[in-house]
Amino acid sequence: MRRSGRVLKQSLSDSGYARVRTPRVLLVHKAVLEAFVGPAPSARHEAAHKDGRKGNNRLDNLEWKLKEHNEADKKVHGTAPSRFTGHRRTDHVARVLALAGTMSFTRIARETGLHRSSVSRIVRGLRRKDWRREDESTL
């Protein structure tokens, strides 16, 4: 993307979309639509990739869509995020609590297949009410 005759360096956002830094951070697919099509028709519209590929920011692959239509397309493309439910499983929680204090959170995460932050949240008690230990439920 060019601005003032210079090439802007692209990076990926945490969600996998290309972005550029000007005085503010811009998502490339949204900037392309705003530059060549115009602003979103309403506040409910969002920039959407017709083929579902976040890296394809060609104008012919982009369009403004209502959020509900874009979410439906993501399901069709197979790019809708899956709902990870592993950290809700009480067997994971029981195993993490059993290992807590015997090894580091990083090692527990490797052993259980959970993210280190999930291990930390379970051990610190920042978890869903169905995760509570048996002895906590009587308090």
N, C-alpha and C. Protein backbone atom coordinates (compact mmCIF):
# COMPACT_ATOMS: atom_id res chain seq x y z
N MET A 1 0.85 -1.17 0.00
CA MET A 1 0.00 0.00 0.00
C MET A 1 0.90 1.24 0.00
N ARG A 2 0.62 2.19 -0.84
CA ARG A 2 1.46 3.39 -0.93
C ARG A 2 0.76 4.58 -0.29
N ARG A 3 1.57 5.37 0.37
CA ARG A 3 1.08 6.63 0.93
C ARG A 3 2.22 7.61 0.83
N SER A 4 1.95 8.74 0.24
CA SER A 4 2.97 9.78 0.08
C SER A 4 4.20 9.26 -0.64
N GLY A 5 4.02 8.36 -1.61
CA GLY A 5 5.11 7.88 -2.40
C GLY A 5 6.00 6.85 -1.73
N ARG A 6 5.63 6.38 -0.56
CA ARG A 6 6.46 5.36 0.09
C ARG A 6 5.64 4.09 0.31
N VAL A 7 6.33 2.98 0.33
CA VAL A 7 5.68 1.68 0.54
C VAL A 7 5.55 1.45 2.04
N LEU A 8 4.34 1.14 2.47
CA LEU A 8 4.11 0.86 3.89
C LEU A 8 4.35 -0.61 4.17
N LYS A 9 5.04 -0.89 5.24
CA LYS A 9 5.33 -2.27 5.62
C LYS A 9 4.08 -2.91 6.22
N GLN A 10 3.75 -4.11 5.74
CA GLN A 10 2.60 -4.84 6.26
C GLN A 10 3.03 -5.81 7.34
N SER A 11 2.14 -6.04 8.28
CA SER A 11 2.33 -7.07 9.30
C SER A 11 0.98 -7.76 9.48
N LEU A 12 0.95 -8.83 10.23
CA LEU A 12 -0.30 -9.54 10.47
C LEU A 12 -0.83 -9.20 11.85
N SER A 13 -2.14 -9.00 11.93
CA SER A 13 -2.78 -8.79 13.22
C SER A 13 -2.88 -10.13 13.94
N ASP A 14 -3.24 -10.13 15.20
CA ASP A 14 -3.40 -11.37 15.94
C ASP A 14 -4.45 -12.28 15.32
N SER A 15 -5.42 -11.69 14.63
CA SER A 15 -6.46 -12.48 13.99
C SER A 15 -6.12 -12.89 12.57
N GLY A 16 -4.91 -12.55 12.09
CA GLY A 16 -4.44 -13.01 10.79
C GLY A 16 -4.69 -12.09 9.62
N TYR A 17 -5.17 -10.88 9.87
CA TYR A 17 -5.42 -9.92 8.79
C TYR A 17 -4.19 -9.04 8.58
N ALA A 18 -3.91 -8.69 7.32
CA ALA A 18 -2.80 -7.79 7.01
C ALA A 18 -3.15 -6.40 7.51
N ARG A 19 -2.15 -5.72 8.07
CA ARG A 19 -2.36 -4.37 8.56
C ARG A 19 -1.14 -3.53 8.24
N VAL A 20 -1.33 -2.23 8.21
CA VAL A 20 -0.24 -1.29 8.00
C VAL A 20 -0.32 -0.22 9.09
N ARG A 21 0.83 0.36 9.40
CA ARG A 21 0.87 1.42 10.40
C ARG A 21 1.09 2.75 9.69
N THR A 22 0.15 3.63 9.86
CA THR A 22 0.28 5.02 9.46
C THR A 22 0.31 5.72 10.81
N PRO A 23 -0.11 6.93 10.93
CA PRO A 23 -0.23 7.42 12.31
C PRO A 23 -1.15 6.51 13.14
N ARG A 24 -2.02 5.76 12.48
CA ARG A 24 -2.85 4.77 13.18
C ARG A 24 -2.77 3.45 12.42
N VAL A 25 -3.20 2.36 13.04
CA VAL A 25 -3.14 1.04 12.41
C VAL A 25 -4.38 0.85 11.53
N LEU A 26 -4.15 0.44 10.29
CA LEU A 26 -5.25 0.19 9.35
C LEU A 26 -5.22 -1.26 8.90
N LEU A 27 -6.39 -1.89 8.85
CA LEU A 27 -6.49 -3.21 8.26
C LEU A 27 -6.51 -3.02 6.75
N VAL A 28 -5.68 -3.76 6.03
CA VAL A 28 -5.50 -3.55 4.60
C VAL A 28 -6.80 -3.77 3.83
N HIS A 29 -7.54 -4.84 4.12
CA HIS A 29 -8.76 -5.11 3.35
C HIS A 29 -9.79 -3.99 3.52
N LYS A 30 -9.86 -3.43 4.71
CA LYS A 30 -10.80 -2.33 4.94
C LYS A 30 -10.31 -1.05 4.25
N ALA A 31 -9.00 -0.79 4.30
CA ALA A 31 -8.43 0.40 3.67
C ALA A 31 -8.61 0.35 2.15
N VAL A 32 -8.45 -0.84 1.56
CA VAL A 32 -8.63 -0.99 0.10
C VAL A 32 -10.07 -0.65 -0.28
N LEU A 33 -11.03 -1.20 0.46
CA LEU A 33 -12.44 -0.90 0.16
C LEU A 33 -12.75 0.59 0.34
N GLU A 34 -12.27 1.18 1.42
CA GLU A 34 -12.53 2.60 1.65
C GLU A 34 -11.91 3.48 0.56
N ALA A 35 -10.73 3.09 0.08
CA ALA A 35 -10.04 3.88 -0.92
C ALA A 35 -10.67 3.77 -2.30
N PHE A 36 -11.12 2.56 -2.68
CA PHE A 36 -11.57 2.34 -4.05
C PHE A 36 -13.08 2.20 -4.22
N VAL A 37 -13.80 1.89 -3.15
CA VAL A 37 -15.26 1.74 -3.23
C VAL A 37 -15.95 2.87 -2.48
N GLY A 38 -15.37 3.27 -1.38
CA GLY A 38 -15.97 4.30 -0.54
C GLY A 38 -16.21 3.75 0.85
N PRO A 39 -16.71 4.58 1.73
CA PRO A 39 -16.93 4.12 3.11
C PRO A 39 -18.01 3.05 3.18
N ALA A 40 -18.06 2.36 4.30
CA ALA A 40 -19.07 1.32 4.50
C ALA A 40 -20.46 1.95 4.38
N PRO A 41 -21.41 1.23 3.75
CA PRO A 41 -22.76 1.78 3.58
C PRO A 41 -23.44 2.13 4.91
N SER A 42 -23.12 1.39 5.96
CA SER A 42 -23.67 1.70 7.28
C SER A 42 -22.67 1.21 8.33
N ALA A 43 -22.94 1.55 9.57
CA ALA A 43 -22.06 1.12 10.66
C ALA A 43 -22.15 -0.39 10.86
N ARG A 44 -23.19 -1.03 10.35
CA ARG A 44 -23.36 -2.48 10.50
C ARG A 44 -22.60 -3.27 9.45
N HIS A 45 -22.04 -2.60 8.45
CA HIS A 45 -21.29 -3.27 7.39
C HIS A 45 -19.83 -3.45 7.80
N GLU A 46 -19.23 -4.54 7.32
CA GLU A 46 -17.82 -4.78 7.55
C GLU A 46 -17.18 -5.25 6.25
N ALA A 47 -15.87 -5.07 6.17
CA ALA A 47 -15.12 -5.50 4.99
C ALA A 47 -15.05 -7.02 4.99
N ALA A 48 -15.38 -7.63 3.85
CA ALA A 48 -15.43 -9.09 3.77
C ALA A 48 -14.63 -9.59 2.58
N HIS A 49 -14.01 -10.75 2.76
CA HIS A 49 -13.28 -11.43 1.67
C HIS A 49 -14.25 -12.41 1.02
N LYS A 50 -14.46 -12.27 -0.28
CA LYS A 50 -15.41 -13.15 -0.99
C LYS A 50 -14.97 -14.61 -0.95
N ASP A 51 -13.65 -14.86 -1.04
CA ASP A 51 -13.17 -16.24 -1.07
C ASP A 51 -12.81 -16.78 0.31
N GLY A 52 -12.93 -15.95 1.36
CA GLY A 52 -12.65 -16.39 2.71
C GLY A 52 -11.18 -16.40 3.08
N ARG A 53 -10.31 -15.99 2.17
CA ARG A 53 -8.86 -16.00 2.45
C ARG A 53 -8.43 -14.61 2.92
N LYS A 54 -7.96 -14.52 4.15
CA LYS A 54 -7.59 -13.23 4.75
C LYS A 54 -6.44 -12.55 4.02
N GLY A 55 -5.60 -13.31 3.37
CA GLY A 55 -4.44 -12.75 2.68
C GLY A 55 -4.74 -12.23 1.29
N ASN A 56 -5.91 -12.50 0.75
CA ASN A 56 -6.28 -12.06 -0.59
C ASN A 56 -6.99 -10.72 -0.51
N ASN A 57 -6.22 -9.64 -0.55
CA ASN A 57 -6.77 -8.30 -0.39
C ASN A 57 -6.94 -7.56 -1.71
N ARG A 58 -7.10 -8.32 -2.79
CA ARG A 58 -7.37 -7.70 -4.09
C ARG A 58 -8.78 -7.11 -4.07
N LEU A 59 -8.96 -5.98 -4.74
CA LEU A 59 -10.24 -5.30 -4.75
C LEU A 59 -11.37 -6.21 -5.26
N ASP A 60 -11.07 -7.04 -6.28
CA ASP A 60 -12.13 -7.91 -6.82
C ASP A 60 -12.52 -9.03 -5.85
N ASN A 61 -11.81 -9.19 -4.74
CA ASN A 61 -12.13 -10.20 -3.74
C ASN A 61 -12.77 -9.60 -2.48
N LEU A 62 -12.96 -8.29 -2.47
CA LEU A 62 -13.47 -7.61 -1.28
C LEU A 62 -14.83 -6.97 -1.55
N GLU A 63 -15.64 -6.93 -0.50
CA GLU A 63 -16.94 -6.26 -0.58
C GLU A 63 -17.40 -5.90 0.82
N TRP A 64 -18.32 -4.91 0.89
CA TRP A 64 -18.94 -4.57 2.16
C TRP A 64 -20.09 -5.54 2.39
N LYS A 65 -20.16 -6.12 3.58
CA LYS A 65 -21.25 -7.04 3.92
C LYS A 65 -21.73 -6.77 5.33
N LEU A 66 -23.00 -7.07 5.55
CA LEU A 66 -23.50 -7.02 6.91
C LEU A 66 -22.83 -8.13 7.72
N LYS A 67 -22.61 -7.88 8.98
CA LYS A 67 -21.88 -8.83 9.82
C LYS A 67 -22.52 -10.22 9.77
N GLU A 68 -23.84 -10.31 9.85
CA GLU A 68 -24.49 -11.63 9.85
C GLU A 68 -24.27 -12.37 8.53
N HIS A 69 -24.21 -11.65 7.41
CA HIS A 69 -23.94 -12.28 6.12
C HIS A 69 -22.48 -12.72 6.03
N ASN A 70 -21.58 -11.91 6.56
CA ASN A 70 -20.17 -12.26 6.55
C ASN A 70 -19.93 -13.50 7.42
N GLU A 71 -20.58 -13.56 8.58
CA GLU A 71 -20.43 -14.74 9.46
C GLU A 71 -20.97 -15.99 8.78
N ALA A 72 -22.09 -15.87 8.06
CA ALA A 72 -22.64 -17.01 7.33
C ALA A 72 -21.68 -17.48 6.25
N ASP A 73 -21.04 -16.53 5.55
CA ASP A 73 -20.05 -16.88 4.52
C ASP A 73 -18.84 -17.59 5.13
N LYS A 74 -18.43 -17.18 6.32
CA LYS A 74 -17.30 -17.82 6.98
C LYS A 74 -17.60 -19.30 7.23
N LYS A 75 -18.84 -19.61 7.56
CA LYS A 75 -19.22 -21.01 7.77
C LYS A 75 -19.15 -21.77 6.45
N VAL A 76 -19.60 -21.15 5.37
CA VAL A 76 -19.55 -21.78 4.04
C VAL A 76 -18.11 -22.01 3.61
N HIS A 77 -17.24 -21.01 3.85
CA HIS A 77 -15.82 -21.13 3.46
C HIS A 77 -15.05 -22.07 4.37
N GLY A 78 -15.60 -22.36 5.54
CA GLY A 78 -14.88 -23.17 6.51
C GLY A 78 -13.85 -22.38 7.29
N THR A 79 -14.01 -21.06 7.33
CA THR A 79 -13.05 -20.22 8.04
C THR A 79 -13.62 -19.66 9.34
N ALA A 80 -14.83 -20.07 9.71
CA ALA A 80 -15.41 -19.61 10.97
C ALA A 80 -14.60 -20.23 12.12
N PRO A 81 -14.31 -19.43 13.14
CA PRO A 81 -13.52 -20.00 14.25
C PRO A 81 -14.31 -21.09 14.97
N SER A 82 -13.61 -22.16 15.31
CA SER A 82 -14.28 -23.21 16.07
C SER A 82 -14.28 -22.81 17.53
N ARG A 83 -15.24 -23.26 18.22
CA ARG A 83 -15.33 -22.93 19.65
C ARG A 83 -14.52 -23.96 20.43
N PHE A 84 -13.40 -23.51 20.95
CA PHE A 84 -12.53 -24.40 21.73
C PHE A 84 -13.16 -24.61 23.09
N THR A 85 -13.43 -25.85 23.44
CA THR A 85 -14.07 -26.13 24.72
C THR A 85 -13.19 -26.99 25.62
N GLY A 86 -11.96 -27.24 25.22
CA GLY A 86 -11.09 -28.10 26.00
C GLY A 86 -10.86 -27.62 27.42
N HIS A 87 -10.75 -26.29 27.62
CA HIS A 87 -10.48 -25.78 28.96
C HIS A 87 -11.71 -25.85 29.85
N ARG A 88 -12.86 -26.17 29.31
CA ARG A 88 -14.06 -26.32 30.14
C ARG A 88 -14.20 -27.74 30.67
N ARG A 89 -13.43 -28.64 30.14
CA ARG A 89 -13.56 -30.04 30.54
C ARG A 89 -13.03 -30.23 31.95
N THR A 90 -13.84 -30.81 32.78
CA THR A 90 -13.45 -30.97 34.18
C THR A 90 -12.28 -31.92 34.34
N ASP A 91 -12.09 -32.86 33.40
CA ASP A 91 -10.93 -33.75 33.52
C ASP A 91 -9.63 -32.98 33.32
N HIS A 92 -9.63 -31.97 32.42
CA HIS A 92 -8.45 -31.12 32.26
C HIS A 92 -8.20 -30.33 33.53
N VAL A 93 -9.26 -29.78 34.09
CA VAL A 93 -9.13 -28.96 35.29
C VAL A 93 -8.58 -29.80 36.44
N ALA A 94 -9.11 -30.99 36.62
CA ALA A 94 -8.65 -31.87 37.70
C ALA A 94 -7.17 -32.20 37.53
N ARG A 95 -6.76 -32.47 36.29
CA ARG A 95 -5.35 -32.80 36.04
C ARG A 95 -4.45 -31.61 36.31
N VAL A 96 -4.87 -30.41 35.87
CA VAL A 96 -4.08 -29.20 36.10
C VAL A 96 -3.94 -28.96 37.60
N LEU A 97 -5.02 -29.07 38.34
CA LEU A 97 -4.97 -28.83 39.78
C LEU A 97 -4.10 -29.87 40.49
N ALA A 98 -4.11 -31.10 39.99
CA ALA A 98 -3.27 -32.15 40.59
C ALA A 98 -1.79 -31.88 40.35
N LEU A 99 -1.47 -31.31 39.19
CA LEU A 99 -0.06 -31.04 38.85
C LEU A 99 0.45 -29.72 39.41
N ALA A 100 -0.48 -28.82 39.76
CA ALA A 100 -0.09 -27.50 40.26
C ALA A 100 0.80 -27.65 41.49
N GLY A 101 1.87 -26.90 41.53
CA GLY A 101 2.80 -26.96 42.64
C GLY A 101 3.91 -27.98 42.46
N THR A 102 3.73 -28.89 41.51
CA THR A 102 4.76 -29.90 41.27
C THR A 102 5.63 -29.55 40.07
N MET A 103 5.11 -28.68 39.19
CA MET A 103 5.87 -28.27 38.00
C MET A 103 5.39 -26.90 37.54
N SER A 104 6.11 -26.31 36.61
CA SER A 104 5.77 -24.97 36.12
C SER A 104 4.50 -24.99 35.29
N PHE A 105 3.88 -23.82 35.15
CA PHE A 105 2.68 -23.70 34.31
C PHE A 105 2.98 -24.10 32.87
N THR A 106 4.17 -23.72 32.39
CA THR A 106 4.56 -24.06 31.02
C THR A 106 4.62 -25.57 30.84
N ARG A 107 5.20 -26.25 31.79
CA ARG A 107 5.30 -27.71 31.68
C ARG A 107 3.93 -28.37 31.80
N ILE A 108 3.08 -27.85 32.72
CA ILE A 108 1.72 -28.38 32.84
C ILE A 108 0.97 -28.17 31.52
N ALA A 109 1.17 -27.01 30.89
CA ALA A 109 0.51 -26.73 29.61
C ALA A 109 0.93 -27.74 28.56
N ARG A 110 2.22 -28.05 28.50
CA ARG A 110 2.70 -29.05 27.54
C ARG A 110 2.10 -30.42 27.82
N GLU A 111 2.03 -30.78 29.09
CA GLU A 111 1.51 -32.09 29.48
C GLU A 111 0.01 -32.25 29.17
N THR A 112 -0.75 -31.17 29.34
CA THR A 112 -2.21 -31.24 29.19
C THR A 112 -2.70 -30.81 27.82
N GLY A 113 -1.86 -30.11 27.05
CA GLY A 113 -2.28 -29.61 25.75
C GLY A 113 -3.05 -28.31 25.84
N LEU A 114 -3.07 -27.70 27.01
CA LEU A 114 -3.74 -26.41 27.19
C LEU A 114 -2.73 -25.29 26.99
N HIS A 115 -3.23 -24.08 26.80
CA HIS A 115 -2.36 -22.91 26.72
C HIS A 115 -1.89 -22.56 28.13
N ARG A 116 -0.69 -22.02 28.24
CA ARG A 116 -0.14 -21.68 29.53
C ARG A 116 -1.04 -20.72 30.30
N SER A 117 -1.66 -19.75 29.60
CA SER A 117 -2.55 -18.81 30.29
C SER A 117 -3.80 -19.52 30.84
N SER A 118 -4.27 -20.56 30.15
CA SER A 118 -5.42 -21.32 30.66
C SER A 118 -5.03 -22.05 31.94
N VAL A 119 -3.82 -22.61 31.95
CA VAL A 119 -3.34 -23.29 33.15
C VAL A 119 -3.28 -22.29 34.31
N SER A 120 -2.73 -21.13 34.05
CA SER A 120 -2.60 -20.10 35.08
C SER A 120 -3.98 -19.71 35.62
N ARG A 121 -4.94 -19.51 34.72
CA ARG A 121 -6.28 -19.11 35.15
C ARG A 121 -6.95 -20.20 35.99
N ILE A 122 -6.77 -21.44 35.63
CA ILE A 122 -7.36 -22.54 36.39
C ILE A 122 -6.76 -22.58 37.79
N VAL A 123 -5.43 -22.50 37.88
CA VAL A 123 -4.75 -22.60 39.18
C VAL A 123 -5.09 -21.40 40.07
N ARG A 124 -5.19 -20.21 39.46
CA ARG A 124 -5.49 -19.01 40.24
C ARG A 124 -6.97 -18.89 40.60
N GLY A 125 -7.80 -19.79 40.08
CA GLY A 125 -9.22 -19.77 40.43
C GLY A 125 -10.06 -18.90 39.52
N LEU A 126 -9.48 -18.38 38.44
CA LEU A 126 -10.24 -17.56 37.49
C LEU A 126 -10.84 -18.48 36.44
N ARG A 127 -11.90 -19.15 36.80
CA ARG A 127 -12.46 -20.15 35.91
C ARG A 127 -13.96 -20.21 36.10
N ARG A 128 -14.60 -20.93 35.24
CA ARG A 128 -16.05 -21.07 35.30
C ARG A 128 -16.45 -21.77 36.59
N LYS A 129 -17.69 -21.53 37.02
CA LYS A 129 -18.11 -22.09 38.30
C LYS A 129 -18.11 -23.61 38.29
N ASP A 130 -18.28 -24.24 37.11
CA ASP A 130 -18.26 -25.70 37.08
C ASP A 130 -16.84 -26.26 37.19
N TRP A 131 -15.81 -25.37 37.21
CA TRP A 131 -14.44 -25.80 37.38
C TRP A 131 -14.05 -25.91 38.84
N ARG A 132 -14.85 -25.35 39.74
CA ARG A 132 -14.46 -25.27 41.15
C ARG A 132 -14.11 -26.63 41.72
N ARG A 133 -13.15 -26.62 42.61
CA ARG A 133 -12.76 -27.84 43.30
C ARG A 133 -13.90 -28.26 44.22
N GLU A 134 -13.92 -29.52 44.53
CA GLU A 134 -14.96 -30.06 45.41
C GLU A 134 -14.99 -29.30 46.74
N ASP A 135 -13.81 -29.04 47.32
CA ASP A 135 -13.78 -28.39 48.63
C ASP A 135 -14.21 -26.92 48.57
N GLU A 136 -14.09 -26.27 47.40
CA GLU A 136 -14.54 -24.89 47.25
C GLU A 136 -16.05 -24.79 47.18
N SER A 137 -16.70 -25.81 46.63
CA SER A 137 -18.15 -25.75 46.43
C SER A 137 -18.90 -25.80 47.75
N THR A 138 -18.27 -26.24 48.82
CA THR A 138 -18.93 -26.31 50.12
C THR A 138 -18.79 -25.03 50.91
N LEU A 139 -17.96 -24.09 50.43
CA LEU A 139 -17.74 -22.82 51.16
C LEU A 139 -18.90 -21.88 51.00
